[in-house]
Protein backbone atom coordinates (compact mmCIF):
# COMPACT_ATOMS: atom_id res chain seq x y z
CA MET A 1 70.07 -60.96 150.78
CA ASN A 2 67.27 -58.37 151.11
CA GLN A 3 64.76 -58.40 148.34
CA PHE A 4 63.65 -54.87 146.75
CA GLU A 5 60.73 -53.21 148.31
CA PRO A 6 59.34 -50.68 145.86
CA VAL A 7 57.35 -47.69 146.99
CA ILE A 8 54.58 -47.62 144.85
CA VAL A 9 52.02 -44.51 144.56
CA ALA A 10 48.43 -45.09 143.80
CA PHE A 11 46.01 -42.38 142.90
CA CYS A 12 42.57 -43.76 143.47
CA CYS A 13 39.46 -42.40 142.50
CA HIS A 14 36.91 -41.83 145.88
CA TYR A 15 33.85 -43.31 143.85
CA CYS A 16 35.42 -46.64 142.45
CA ALA A 17 39.16 -47.70 143.25
CA TYR A 18 39.23 -46.12 146.49
CA THR A 19 35.96 -48.13 147.69
CA ALA A 20 37.50 -51.04 145.68
CA ALA A 21 40.52 -50.83 148.05
CA ASP A 22 37.96 -50.91 151.09
CA MET A 23 36.06 -53.85 149.55
CA ALA A 24 39.55 -55.64 149.33
CA GLY A 25 40.16 -54.83 152.82
CA SER A 26 36.84 -55.96 154.21
CA GLN A 27 37.11 -59.40 152.00
CA ARG A 28 40.50 -59.90 153.56
CA LEU A 29 41.94 -59.89 150.34
CA SER A 30 46.04 -59.06 150.71
CA TYR A 31 48.18 -56.53 148.81
CA PRO A 32 51.49 -55.58 149.01
CA PRO A 33 51.55 -52.73 151.94
CA ASN A 34 54.34 -50.88 150.23
CA VAL A 35 51.53 -49.43 147.76
CA LYS A 36 50.21 -46.24 149.35
CA ILE A 37 46.95 -45.20 148.31
CA VAL A 38 45.96 -41.19 147.86
CA ARG A 39 42.39 -40.79 147.48
CA VAL A 40 41.20 -38.11 145.17
CA PRO A 41 37.79 -36.77 144.56
CA CYS A 42 37.98 -38.12 140.47
CA SER A 43 40.98 -39.71 138.72
CA GLY A 44 40.37 -36.80 136.34
CA LYS A 45 41.96 -34.80 138.98
CA VAL A 46 45.35 -36.47 138.85
CA ASP A 47 47.58 -33.85 137.00
CA ALA A 48 50.99 -34.51 135.18
CA ILE A 49 52.67 -32.51 138.15
CA HIS A 50 51.12 -34.77 140.81
CA ILE A 51 52.55 -37.84 139.28
CA LEU A 52 56.09 -36.05 138.89
CA LYS A 53 56.10 -35.21 142.00
CA ALA A 54 55.63 -38.45 143.49
CA PHE A 55 58.29 -39.78 141.48
CA GLU A 56 60.09 -36.77 142.96
CA LYS A 57 59.67 -37.84 146.27
CA GLY A 58 60.65 -41.16 145.58
CA ALA A 59 58.27 -43.55 144.07
CA ASP A 60 59.10 -46.54 142.32
CA GLY A 61 56.20 -46.83 140.51
CA VAL A 62 52.71 -44.68 140.22
CA TYR A 63 49.31 -45.99 139.25
CA VAL A 64 46.30 -44.18 138.50
CA ALA A 65 43.11 -46.20 139.17
CA GLY A 66 39.61 -44.51 138.04
CA CYS A 67 36.20 -45.74 137.31
CA LEU A 68 35.30 -48.34 134.46
CA GLU A 69 35.64 -46.80 131.07
CA GLY A 70 32.15 -45.11 130.37
CA ASP A 71 31.21 -45.25 133.63
CA CYS A 72 32.89 -42.25 135.44
CA HIS A 73 30.88 -40.39 138.25
CA PHE A 74 32.25 -37.28 136.60
CA LYS A 75 31.37 -37.98 133.02
CA ASN A 76 34.86 -38.30 131.45
CA GLY A 77 37.30 -38.08 134.46
CA ASN A 78 38.79 -41.50 133.78
CA THR A 79 39.18 -40.41 129.63
CA LYS A 80 41.10 -37.17 130.93
CA ALA A 81 43.36 -39.16 133.35
CA SER A 82 43.87 -41.78 130.75
CA ARG A 83 44.94 -39.18 128.25
CA ARG A 84 47.43 -37.63 131.00
CA VAL A 85 48.95 -40.95 131.65
CA ALA A 86 49.68 -41.31 128.24
CA TYR A 87 51.19 -38.01 128.13
CA VAL A 88 53.50 -38.35 131.37
CA LYS A 89 54.85 -41.80 130.20
CA LYS A 90 56.11 -40.19 126.91
CA MET A 91 57.47 -37.45 129.19
CA LEU A 92 59.12 -40.25 131.59
CA GLU A 93 61.02 -41.82 128.43
CA GLU A 94 62.31 -38.39 127.32
CA ILE A 95 63.84 -37.68 130.90
CA GLY A 96 65.07 -41.40 131.08
CA ILE A 97 62.71 -43.19 133.39
CA ASP A 98 61.27 -46.27 132.26
CA ALA A 99 57.29 -45.81 131.06
CA GLY A 100 56.43 -49.14 132.58
CA ARG A 101 56.89 -47.57 136.05
CA LEU A 102 53.24 -45.86 135.16
CA GLU A 103 50.09 -46.99 134.55
CA MET A 104 46.35 -46.51 134.50
CA PHE A 105 43.92 -49.06 135.84
CA TYR A 106 39.94 -48.92 135.82
CA MET A 107 38.01 -50.79 138.14
CA SER A 108 34.40 -50.42 139.88
CA ALA A 109 33.32 -49.84 143.55
CA GLY A 110 32.48 -53.65 144.08
CA MET A 111 35.96 -54.89 142.41
CA GLY A 112 38.09 -55.54 145.64
CA GLU A 113 39.88 -58.41 144.11
CA ARG A 114 40.79 -56.74 140.75
CA PHE A 115 42.30 -53.89 143.27
CA SER A 116 44.01 -56.32 145.14
CA GLN A 117 45.47 -58.10 141.82
CA VAL A 118 46.42 -54.63 140.41
CA ALA A 119 48.63 -53.95 143.36
CA ARG A 120 50.18 -57.09 143.24
CA ASP A 121 51.11 -57.07 139.65
CA MET A 122 52.22 -53.57 139.76
CA THR A 123 54.56 -54.10 142.47
CA GLN A 124 55.90 -57.17 140.95
CA ARG A 125 56.52 -55.33 137.62
CA ILE A 126 58.12 -52.45 139.52
CA ARG A 127 60.28 -55.20 141.61
CA GLU A 128 61.67 -56.76 138.10
CA LEU A 129 62.43 -52.81 137.11
CA GLY A 130 64.45 -52.34 140.23
CA PRO A 131 64.72 -48.96 142.23
CA ASN A 132 64.07 -45.87 140.33
CA LEU A 133 67.35 -44.25 140.77
CA THR A 134 66.50 -41.27 138.41
CA THR A 135 67.89 -37.79 139.99
CA LYS A 136 65.83 -35.54 141.68
CA ALA A 137 67.04 -32.92 139.06
CA ALA A 138 66.00 -34.97 135.94
CA VAL A 139 62.02 -34.79 137.47
CA GLU A 140 62.42 -30.75 138.87
CA GLY A 141 63.45 -30.19 135.09
CA THR A 142 60.48 -31.42 133.93
CA HIS A 143 58.21 -29.43 136.20
CA LYS A 144 58.68 -26.35 134.43
CA ALA A 145 57.81 -27.95 131.33
CA VAL A 146 54.52 -28.70 132.78
CA ALA A 147 53.57 -25.49 134.73
């Protein structure tokens, strides 16, 4: 029996989370290869439409990883990202997608172990939830509400 391997998209802040992922690699800390990292200049640049597009394109889970709270390189980008993630979680529930498939995490550039642990934890969470069987049409309909 094949175990379900989820596709997870991680939107990572260039200054902290992406650097933490690089640190994890440098320290040879393993994390699941099914976590696909998208480097963004700031987690605050991740819009609701980006998250919804990730689900539409087949992601089983998505997370946004930004700088530690109160320590954003762009002052409040991570706060904006957190509010957007909360907003999209509500939208997901309304269209029948478990909000647990989306999460926001905070880390500094030196937290390679934290990045690795978050990737493993998120992968395990999504494995337990199973594949995202939501139809493309459900997510496409939500785009109109966001645009």
